[in-house]
PDB file of N, CA and C in Angstrom:
ATOM      1  N   PRO A   1     -45.897 -25.930 -26.884  1.00  0.00           N
ATOM      2  CA  PRO A   1     -46.576 -24.798 -27.495  1.00  0.00           C
ATOM      3  C   PRO A   1     -45.974 -23.469 -27.037  1.00  0.00           C
ATOM      4  N   ILE A   2     -45.980 -22.523 -27.934  1.00  0.00           N
ATOM      5  CA  ILE A   2     -45.499 -21.179 -27.627  1.00  0.00           C
ATOM      6  C   ILE A   2     -46.727 -20.282 -27.503  1.00  0.00           C
ATOM      7  N   GLU A   3     -46.899 -19.696 -26.332  1.00  0.00           N
ATOM      8  CA  GLU A   3     -48.041 -18.816 -26.113  1.00  0.00           C
ATOM      9  C   GLU A   3     -47.641 -17.380 -26.400  1.00  0.00           C
ATOM     10  N   PHE A   4     -48.545 -16.642 -27.012  1.00  0.00           N
ATOM     11  CA  PHE A   4     -48.278 -15.263 -27.370  1.00  0.00           C
ATOM     12  C   PHE A   4     -49.273 -14.338 -26.673  1.00  0.00           C
ATOM     13  N   VAL A   5     -48.778 -13.231 -26.207  1.00  0.00           N
ATOM     14  CA  VAL A   5     -49.631 -12.187 -25.655  1.00  0.00           C
ATOM     15  C   VAL A   5     -49.508 -11.000 -26.603  1.00  0.00           C
ATOM     16  N   TYR A   6     -50.603 -10.674 -27.253  1.00  0.00           N
ATOM     17  CA  TYR A   6     -50.583  -9.601 -28.231  1.00  0.00           C
ATOM     18  C   TYR A   6     -50.680  -8.243 -27.542  1.00  0.00           C
ATOM     19  N   SER A   7     -49.826  -7.332 -27.992  1.00  0.00           N
ATOM     20  CA  SER A   7     -49.779  -5.998 -27.376  1.00  0.00           C
ATOM     21  C   SER A   7     -50.705  -5.006 -28.073  1.00  0.00           C
ATOM     22  N   GLY A   8     -51.118  -5.346 -29.273  1.00  0.00           N
ATOM     23  CA  GLY A   8     -51.924  -4.413 -30.046  1.00  0.00           C
ATOM     24  C   GLY A   8     -51.094  -3.674 -31.083  1.00  0.00           C
ATOM     25  N   ASP A   9     -49.775  -3.652 -30.916  1.00  0.00           N
ATOM     26  CA  ASP A   9     -48.859  -3.060 -31.890  1.00  0.00           C
ATOM     27  C   ASP A   9     -48.458  -4.176 -32.854  1.00  0.00           C
ATOM     28  N   GLN A  10     -49.096  -4.232 -34.026  1.00  0.00           N
ATOM     29  CA  GLN A  10     -48.917  -5.346 -34.951  1.00  0.00           C
ATOM     30  C   GLN A  10     -47.452  -5.555 -35.336  1.00  0.00           C
ATOM     31  N   GLU A  11     -46.738  -4.502 -35.678  1.00  0.00           N
ATOM     32  CA  GLU A  11     -45.330  -4.624 -36.081  1.00  0.00           C
ATOM     33  C   GLU A  11     -44.489  -5.221 -34.958  1.00  0.00           C
ATOM     34  N   LYS A  12     -44.678  -4.731 -33.754  1.00  0.00           N
ATOM     35  CA  LYS A  12     -43.944  -5.235 -32.591  1.00  0.00           C
ATOM     36  C   LYS A  12     -44.307  -6.687 -32.322  1.00  0.00           C
ATOM     37  N   ASP A  13     -45.595  -7.026 -32.430  1.00  0.00           N
ATOM     38  CA  ASP A  13     -46.039  -8.404 -32.202  1.00  0.00           C
ATOM     39  C   ASP A  13     -45.424  -9.365 -33.212  1.00  0.00           C
ATOM     40  N   ILE A  14     -45.397  -8.964 -34.480  1.00  0.00           N
ATOM     41  CA  ILE A  14     -44.808  -9.814 -35.522  1.00  0.00           C
ATOM     42  C   ILE A  14     -43.334 -10.065 -35.228  1.00  0.00           C
ATOM     43  N   GLN A  15     -42.619  -9.020 -34.864  1.00  0.00           N
ATOM     44  CA  GLN A  15     -41.194  -9.173 -34.556  1.00  0.00           C
ATOM     45  C   GLN A  15     -40.979 -10.084 -33.345  1.00  0.00           C
ATOM     46  N   GLU A  16     -41.763  -9.911 -32.311  1.00  0.00           N
ATOM     47  CA  GLU A  16     -41.611 -10.722 -31.093  1.00  0.00           C
ATOM     48  C   GLU A  16     -41.976 -12.181 -31.340  1.00  0.00           C
ATOM     49  N   ILE A  17     -43.065 -12.415 -32.048  1.00  0.00           N
ATOM     50  CA  ILE A  17     -43.480 -13.783 -32.351  1.00  0.00           C
ATOM     51  C   ILE A  17     -42.423 -14.471 -33.207  1.00  0.00           C
ATOM     52  N   THR A  18     -41.941 -13.771 -34.227  1.00  0.00           N
ATOM     53  CA  THR A  18     -40.895 -14.325 -35.088  1.00  0.00           C
ATOM     54  C   THR A  18     -39.641 -14.636 -34.289  1.00  0.00           C
ATOM     55  N   ARG A  19     -39.230 -13.724 -33.425  1.00  0.00           N
ATOM     56  CA  ARG A  19     -38.041 -13.933 -32.596  1.00  0.00           C
ATOM     57  C   ARG A  19     -38.200 -15.182 -31.732  1.00  0.00           C
ATOM     58  N   ARG A  20     -39.356 -15.342 -31.112  1.00  0.00           N
ATOM     59  CA  ARG A  20     -39.579 -16.477 -30.217  1.00  0.00           C
ATOM     60  C   ARG A  20     -39.629 -17.803 -30.973  1.00  0.00           C
ATOM     61  N   ILE A  21     -40.238 -17.806 -32.158  1.00  0.00           N
ATOM     62  CA  ILE A  21     -40.292 -19.032 -32.963  1.00  0.00           C
ATOM     63  C   ILE A  21     -38.891 -19.427 -33.420  1.00  0.00           C
ATOM     64  N   VAL A  22     -38.123 -18.440 -33.912  1.00  0.00           N
ATOM     65  CA  VAL A  22     -36.750 -18.717 -34.364  1.00  0.00           C
ATOM     66  C   VAL A  22     -35.906 -19.222 -33.198  1.00  0.00           C
ATOM     67  N   LYS A  23     -36.057 -18.642 -32.026  1.00  0.00           N
ATOM     68  CA  LYS A  23     -35.302 -19.077 -30.848  1.00  0.00           C
ATOM     69  C   LYS A  23     -35.663 -20.516 -30.487  1.00  0.00           C
ATOM     70  N   GLU A  24     -36.939 -20.872 -30.574  1.00  0.00           N
ATOM     71  CA  GLU A  24     -37.368 -22.235 -30.270  1.00  0.00           C
ATOM     72  C   GLU A  24     -36.784 -23.231 -31.277  1.00  0.00           C
ATOM     73  N   ILE A  25     -36.792 -22.863 -32.545  1.00  0.00           N
ATOM     74  CA  ILE A  25     -36.184 -23.726 -33.577  1.00  0.00           C
ATOM     75  C   ILE A  25     -34.693 -23.875 -33.306  1.00  0.00           C
ATOM     76  N   GLU A  26     -34.029 -22.775 -32.998  1.00  0.00           N
ATOM     77  CA  GLU A  26     -32.594 -22.804 -32.691  1.00  0.00           C
ATOM     78  C   GLU A  26     -32.305 -23.727 -31.512  1.00  0.00           C
ATOM     79  N   ASN A  27     -33.090 -23.629 -30.453  1.00  0.00           N
ATOM     80  CA  ASN A  27     -32.895 -24.486 -29.279  1.00  0.00           C
ATOM     81  C   ASN A  27     -33.077 -25.956 -29.630  1.00  0.00           C
ATOM     82  N   THR A  28     -34.072 -26.255 -30.451  1.00  0.00           N
ATOM     83  CA  THR A  28     -34.318 -27.641 -30.851  1.00  0.00           C
ATOM     84  C   THR A  28     -33.156 -28.174 -31.677  1.00  0.00           C
ATOM     85  N   ILE A  29     -32.635 -27.357 -32.598  1.00  0.00           N
ATOM     86  CA  ILE A  29     -31.496 -27.782 -33.416  1.00  0.00           C
ATOM     87  C   ILE A  29     -30.271 -28.013 -32.540  1.00  0.00           C
ATOM     88  N   ARG A  30     -30.055 -27.152 -31.566  1.00  0.00           N
ATOM     89  CA  ARG A  30     -28.909 -27.335 -30.662  1.00  0.00           C
ATOM     90  C   ARG A  30     -29.061 -28.603 -29.826  1.00  0.00           C
ATOM     91  N   GLU A  31     -30.296 -28.944 -29.460  1.00  0.00           N
ATOM     92  CA  GLU A  31     -30.532 -30.141 -28.650  1.00  0.00           C
ATOM     93  C   GLU A  31     -30.420 -31.418 -29.487  1.00  0.00           C
ATOM     94  N   TYR A  32     -30.849 -31.362 -30.752  1.00  0.00           N
ATOM     95  CA  TYR A  32     -30.841 -32.539 -31.625  1.00  0.00           C
ATOM     96  C   TYR A  32     -30.175 -32.214 -32.962  1.00  0.00           C
ATOM     97  N   PRO A  33     -28.888 -31.862 -32.962  1.00  0.00           N
ATOM     98  CA  PRO A  33     -28.239 -31.451 -34.214  1.00  0.00           C
ATOM     99  C   PRO A  33     -28.180 -32.567 -35.255  1.00  0.00           C
ATOM    100  N   GLU A  34     -28.182 -33.797 -34.819  1.00  0.00           N
ATOM    101  CA  GLU A  34     -28.113 -34.924 -35.753  1.00  0.00           C
ATOM    102  C   GLU A  34     -29.385 -35.050 -36.588  1.00  0.00           C
ATOM    103  N   GLN A  35     -30.456 -34.394 -36.196  1.00  0.00           N
ATOM    104  CA  GLN A  35     -31.710 -34.465 -36.941  1.00  0.00           C
ATOM    105  C   GLN A  35     -31.874 -33.287 -37.903  1.00  0.00           C
ATOM    106  N   TRP A  36     -30.880 -32.420 -37.978  1.00  0.00           N
ATOM    107  CA  TRP A  36     -31.002 -31.212 -38.783  1.00  0.00           C
ATOM    108  C   TRP A  36     -30.164 -31.337 -40.045  1.00  0.00           C
ATOM    109  N   LEU A  37     -30.773 -31.106 -41.188  1.00  0.00           N
ATOM    110  CA  LEU A  37     -30.071 -31.097 -42.460  1.00  0.00           C
ATOM    111  C   LEU A  37     -30.560 -29.904 -43.258  1.00  0.00           C
ATOM    112  N   TRP A  38     -29.669 -28.999 -43.575  1.00  0.00           N
ATOM    113  CA  TRP A  38     -30.014 -27.821 -44.355  1.00  0.00           C
ATOM    114  C   TRP A  38     -29.454 -28.035 -45.742  1.00  0.00           C
ATOM    115  N   ALA A  39     -30.304 -28.220 -46.728  1.00  0.00           N
ATOM    116  CA  ALA A  39     -29.841 -28.524 -48.073  1.00  0.00           C
ATOM    117  C   ALA A  39     -30.146 -27.417 -49.070  1.00  0.00           C
ATOM    118  N   HIS A  40     -30.825 -26.382 -48.653  1.00  0.00           N
ATOM    119  CA  HIS A  40     -31.201 -25.307 -49.568  1.00  0.00           C
ATOM    120  C   HIS A  40     -30.092 -24.264 -49.633  1.00  0.00           C
ATOM    121  N   ASN A  41     -29.648 -23.952 -50.834  1.00  0.00           N
ATOM    122  CA  ASN A  41     -28.636 -22.911 -51.018  1.00  0.00           C
ATOM    123  C   ASN A  41     -29.368 -21.582 -51.201  1.00  0.00           C
ATOM    124  N   ARG A  42     -29.662 -20.934 -50.104  1.00  0.00           N
ATOM    125  CA  ARG A  42     -30.464 -19.709 -50.129  1.00  0.00           C
ATOM    126  C   ARG A  42     -29.800 -18.620 -50.970  1.00  0.00           C
ATOM    127  N   TRP A  43     -28.507 -18.466 -50.813  1.00  0.00           N
ATOM    128  CA  TRP A  43     -27.790 -17.442 -51.554  1.00  0.00           C
ATOM    129  C   TRP A  43     -26.906 -18.126 -52.574  1.00  0.00           C
ATOM    130  N   SER A  44     -27.382 -18.225 -53.809  1.00  0.00           N
ATOM    131  CA  SER A  44     -26.639 -18.973 -54.820  1.00  0.00           C
ATOM    132  C   SER A  44     -25.361 -18.247 -55.239  1.00  0.00           C
ATOM    133  N   ARG A  45     -25.343 -16.938 -55.067  1.00  0.00           N
ATOM    134  CA  ARG A  45     -24.126 -16.188 -55.411  1.00  0.00           C
ATOM    135  C   ARG A  45     -23.867 -15.135 -54.350  1.00  0.00           C
ATOM    136  N   THR A  46     -22.596 -14.886 -54.113  1.00  0.00           N
ATOM    137  CA  THR A  46     -22.205 -13.794 -53.235  1.00  0.00           C
ATOM    138  C   THR A  46     -22.431 -12.500 -53.998  1.00  0.00           C
ATOM    139  N   LEU A  47     -22.813 -11.462 -53.312  1.00  0.00           N
ATOM    140  CA  LEU A  47     -23.082 -10.173 -53.936  1.00  0.00           C
ATOM    141  C   LEU A  47     -21.907  -9.755 -54.815  1.00  0.00           C
ATOM    142  N   GLY A  48     -22.175  -9.481 -56.071  1.00  0.00           N
ATOM    143  CA  GLY A  48     -21.144  -9.034 -56.999  1.00  0.00           C
ATOM    144  C   GLY A  48     -20.352 -10.157 -57.636  1.00  0.00           C
ATOM    145  N   GLU A  49     -20.617 -11.379 -57.248  1.00  0.00           N
ATOM    146  CA  GLU A  49     -19.860 -12.507 -57.776  1.00  0.00           C
ATOM    147  C   GLU A  49     -20.578 -13.094 -58.981  1.00  0.00           C
ATOM    148  N   GLU A  50     -19.860 -13.324 -60.031  1.00  0.00           N
ATOM    149  CA  GLU A  50     -20.445 -13.897 -61.237  1.00  0.00           C
ATOM    150  C   GLU A  50     -20.608 -15.404 -61.075  1.00  0.00           C
ATOM    151  N   ARG A  51     -21.560 -15.952 -61.805  1.00  0.00           N
ATOM    152  CA  ARG A  51     -21.874 -17.381 -61.717  1.00  0.00           C
ATOM    153  C   ARG A  51     -20.645 -18.252 -62.006  1.00  0.00           C
ATOM    154  N   GLU A  52     -19.879 -17.873 -63.004  1.00  0.00           N
ATOM    155  CA  GLU A  52     -18.696 -18.656 -63.366  1.00  0.00           C
ATOM    156  C   GLU A  52     -17.671 -18.686 -62.216  1.00  0.00           C
ATOM    157  N   GLN A  53     -17.483 -17.542 -61.551  1.00  0.00           N
ATOM    158  CA  GLN A  53     -16.566 -17.478 -60.403  1.00  0.00           C
ATOM    159  C   GLN A  53     -17.061 -18.402 -59.291  1.00  0.00           C
ATOM    160  N   LYS A  54     -18.372 -18.389 -59.053  1.00  0.00           N
ATOM    161  CA  LYS A  54     -18.963 -19.220 -57.996  1.00  0.00           C
ATOM    162  C   LYS A  54     -18.765 -20.697 -58.312  1.00  0.00           C
ATOM    163  N   GLN A  55     -18.963 -21.100 -59.570  1.00  0.00           N
ATOM    164  CA  GLN A  55     -18.788 -22.493 -59.957  1.00  0.00           C
ATOM    165  C   GLN A  55     -17.339 -22.935 -59.795  1.00  0.00           C
ATOM    166  N   LYS A  56     -16.397 -22.072 -60.144  1.00  0.00           N
ATOM    167  CA  LYS A  56     -14.977 -22.401 -59.973  1.00  0.00           C
ATOM    168  C   LYS A  56     -14.649 -22.587 -58.491  1.00  0.00           C
ATOM    169  N   LYS A  57     -15.181 -21.683 -57.667  1.00  0.00           N
ATOM    170  CA  LYS A  57     -14.928 -21.767 -56.238  1.00  0.00           C
ATOM    171  C   LYS A  57     -15.519 -23.061 -55.667  1.00  0.00           C
ATOM    172  N   ARG A  58     -16.747 -23.409 -56.077  1.00  0.00           N
ATOM    173  CA  ARG A  58     -17.403 -24.621 -55.594  1.00  0.00           C
ATOM    174  C   ARG A  58     -16.612 -25.866 -55.978  1.00  0.00           C
ATOM    175  N   LYS A  59     -16.148 -25.917 -57.235  1.00  0.00           N
ATOM    176  CA  LYS A  59     -15.346 -27.058 -57.693  1.00  0.00           C
ATOM    177  C   LYS A  59     -14.069 -27.188 -56.869  1.00  0.00           C
ATOM    178  N   LYS A  60     -13.464 -26.062 -56.532  1.00  0.00           N
ATOM    179  CA  LYS A  60     -12.245 -26.068 -55.716  1.00  0.00           C
ATOM    180  C   LYS A  60     -12.547 -26.618 -54.326  1.00  0.00           C
ATOM    181  N   TRP A  61     -13.673 -26.177 -53.728  1.00  0.00           N
ATOM    182  CA  TRP A  61     -14.052 -26.664 -52.390  1.00  0.00           C
ATOM    183  C   TRP A  61     -14.328 -28.163 -52.415  1.00  0.00           C
ATOM    184  N   ILE A  62     -15.012 -28.630 -53.448  1.00  0.00           N
ATOM    185  CA  ILE A  62     -15.324 -30.056 -53.566  1.00  0.00           C
ATOM    186  C   ILE A  62     -14.030 -30.851 -53.670  1.00  0.00           C
ATOM    187  N   LYS A  63     -13.110 -30.372 -54.505  1.00  0.00           N
ATOM    188  CA  LYS A  63     -11.825 -31.045 -54.699  1.00  0.00           C
ATOM    189  C   LYS A  63     -11.043 -31.140 -53.382  1.00  0.00           C
ATOM    190  N   GLN A  64     -11.108 -30.081 -52.572  1.00  0.00           N
ATOM    191  CA  GLN A  64     -10.399 -30.047 -51.294  1.00  0.00           C
ATOM    192  C   GLN A  64     -11.122 -30.838 -50.210  1.00  0.00           C
ATOM    193  N   GLY A  65     -12.353 -31.257 -50.487  1.00  0.00           N
ATOM    194  CA  GLY A  65     -13.124 -32.013 -49.500  1.00  0.00           C
ATOM    195  C   GLY A  65     -13.803 -31.123 -48.466  1.00  0.00           C
ATOM    196  N   ALA A  66     -13.817 -29.823 -48.710  1.00  0.00           N
ATOM    197  CA  ALA A  66     -14.429 -28.898 -47.759  1.00  0.00           C
ATOM    198  C   ALA A  66     -15.917 -28.705 -48.029  1.00  0.00           C
ATOM    199  N   TYR A  67     -16.394 -29.226 -49.128  1.00  0.00           N
ATOM    200  CA  TYR A  67     -17.786 -29.003 -49.535  1.00  0.00           C
ATOM    201  C   TYR A  67     -18.308 -30.308 -50.110  1.00  0.00           C
ATOM    202  N   LEU A  68     -19.421 -30.779 -49.618  1.00  0.00           N
ATOM    203  CA  LEU A  68     -20.006 -32.019 -50.119  1.00  0.00           C
ATOM    204  C   LEU A  68     -21.178 -31.704 -51.036  1.00  0.00           C
ATOM    205  N   THR A  69     -21.252 -32.429 -52.135  1.00  0.00           N
ATOM    206  CA  THR A  69     -22.414 -32.292 -53.005  1.00  0.00           C
ATOM    207  C   THR A  69     -23.586 -33.022 -52.352  1.00  0.00           C
ATOM    208  N   SER A  70     -24.795 -32.776 -52.831  1.00  0.00           N
ATOM    209  CA  SER A  70     -25.982 -33.452 -52.295  1.00  0.00           C
ATOM    210  C   SER A  70     -25.840 -34.956 -52.425  1.00  0.00           C
ATOM    211  N   LYS A  71     -25.322 -35.402 -53.555  1.00  0.00           N
ATOM    212  CA  LYS A  71     -25.126 -36.834 -53.791  1.00  0.00           C
ATOM    213  C   LYS A  71     -24.164 -37.424 -52.750  1.00  0.00           C
ATOM    214  N   GLU A  72     -23.095 -36.697 -52.434  1.00  0.00           N
ATOM    215  CA  GLU A  72     -22.126 -37.174 -51.447  1.00  0.00           C
ATOM    216  C   GLU A  72     -22.732 -37.210 -50.045  1.00  0.00           C
ATOM    217  N   VAL A  73     -23.566 -36.212 -49.714  1.00  0.00           N
ATOM    218  CA  VAL A  73     -24.228 -36.191 -48.406  1.00  0.00           C
ATOM    219  C   VAL A  73     -25.142 -37.396 -48.277  1.00  0.00           C
ATOM    220  N   LEU A  74     -25.938 -37.687 -49.305  1.00  0.00           N
ATOM    221  CA  LEU A  74     -26.840 -38.835 -49.266  1.00  0.00           C
ATOM    222  C   LEU A  74     -26.063 -40.150 -49.156  1.00  0.00           C
ATOM    223  N   LYS A  75     -24.955 -40.249 -49.867  1.00  0.00           N
ATOM    224  CA  LYS A  75     -24.121 -41.451 -49.789  1.00  0.00           C
ATOM    225  C   LYS A  75     -23.567 -41.623 -48.384  1.00  0.00           C
ATOM    226  N   GLN A  76     -23.095 -40.527 -47.792  1.00  0.00           N
ATOM    227  CA  GLN A  76     -22.559 -40.567 -46.434  1.00  0.00           C
ATOM    228  C   GLN A  76     -23.646 -40.961 -45.433  1.00  0.00           C
ATOM    229  N   MET A  77     -24.848 -40.403 -45.616  1.00  0.00           N
ATOM    230  CA  MET A  77     -25.956 -40.753 -44.724  1.00  0.00           C
ATOM    231  C   MET A  77     -26.295 -42.236 -44.849  1.00  0.00           C
ATOM    232  N   ASP A  78     -26.282 -42.768 -46.077  1.00  0.00           N
ATOM    233  CA  ASP A  78     -26.576 -44.180 -46.289  1.00  0.00           C
ATOM    234  C   ASP A  78     -25.532 -45.060 -45.608  1.00  0.00           C
ATOM    235  N   LEU A  79     -24.266 -44.628 -45.667  1.00  0.00           N
ATOM    236  CA  LEU A  79     -23.203 -45.393 -45.004  1.00  0.00           C
ATOM    237  C   LEU A  79     -23.370 -45.372 -43.483  1.00  0.00           C
ATOM    238  N   GLU A  80     -23.767 -44.225 -42.946  1.00  0.00           N
ATOM    239  CA  GLU A  80     -23.926 -44.093 -41.499  1.00  0.00           C
ATOM    240  C   GLU A  80     -25.185 -44.786 -40.993  1.00  0.00           C
ATOM    241  N   ILE A  81     -26.268 -44.647 -41.726  1.00  0.00           N
ATOM    242  CA  ILE A  81     -27.538 -45.203 -41.284  1.00  0.00           C
ATOM    243  C   ILE A  81     -27.712 -46.613 -41.837  1.00  0.00           C
ATOM    244  N   GLY A  82     -27.590 -46.753 -43.142  1.00  0.00           N
ATOM    245  CA  GLY A  82     -27.707 -48.038 -43.803  1.00  0.00           C
ATOM    246  C   GLY A  82     -29.091 -48.646 -43.645  1.00  0.00           C
ATOM    247  N   GLU A  83     -29.515 -49.383 -44.653  1.00  0.00           N
ATOM    248  CA  GLU A  83     -30.831 -50.003 -44.625  1.00  0.00           C
ATOM    249  C   GLU A  83     -30.941 -51.038 -43.516  1.00  0.00           C
ATOM    250  N   GLY A  84     -29.886 -51.794 -43.265  1.00  0.00           N
ATOM    251  CA  GLY A  84     -29.927 -52.842 -42.263  1.00  0.00           C
ATOM    252  C   GLY A  84     -30.006 -52.319 -40.846  1.00  0.00           C
ATOM    253  N   LYS A  85     -29.727 -51.029 -40.651  1.00  0.00           N
ATOM    254  CA  LYS A  85     -29.728 -50.468 -39.315  1.00  0.00           C
ATOM    255  C   LYS A  85     -31.055 -49.877 -38.923  1.00  0.00           C
ATOM    256  N   ASP A  86     -32.012 -49.822 -39.856  1.00  0.00           N
ATOM    257  CA  ASP A  86     -33.318 -49.243 -39.578  1.00  0.00           C
ATOM    258  C   ASP A  86     -34.256 -50.315 -39.072  1.00  0.00           C
ATOM    259  N   ASP A  87     -34.572 -50.276 -37.778  1.00  0.00           N
ATOM    260  CA  ASP A  87     -35.400 -51.297 -37.151  1.00  0.00           C
ATOM    261  C   ASP A  87     -36.852 -51.246 -37.625  1.00  0.00           C
ATOM    262  N   ARG A  88     -37.269 -50.155 -38.216  1.00  0.00           N
ATOM    263  CA  ARG A  88     -38.674 -50.014 -38.627  1.00  0.00           C
ATOM    264  C   ARG A  88     -38.975 -50.813 -39.877  1.00  0.00           C
ATOM    265  N   LYS A  89     -37.983 -51.128 -40.684  1.00  0.00           N
ATOM    266  CA  LYS A  89     -38.216 -51.867 -41.912  1.00  0.00           C
ATOM    267  C   LYS A  89     -38.456 -53.341 -41.616  1.00  0.00           C
ATOM    268  N   THR A  90     -39.321 -53.957 -42.402  1.00  0.00           N
ATOM    269  CA  THR A  90     -39.634 -55.383 -42.185  1.00  0.00           C
ATOM    270  C   THR A  90     -38.992 -56.252 -43.213  1.00  0.00           C
TER     271      THR A  90
END
């Protein structure tokens, strides 16, 4: 648990609480990186970049093997984990 001591300055408290929560998440990810998967494309386009340019760039990255599609990530996870390797299944 993360304990908070409120100062009475709401803006400062929000910033401090947010900072501490983000730091705790960061520490957990660093300790267990194999359990972290970020699949959300928060920024679908770079500022000023047109959708068509972004799609061309993505296709180029995929072709070069520098970028995995969601389908490829799931396939890779299945190969690494596999159904037979999960002891919880009966």
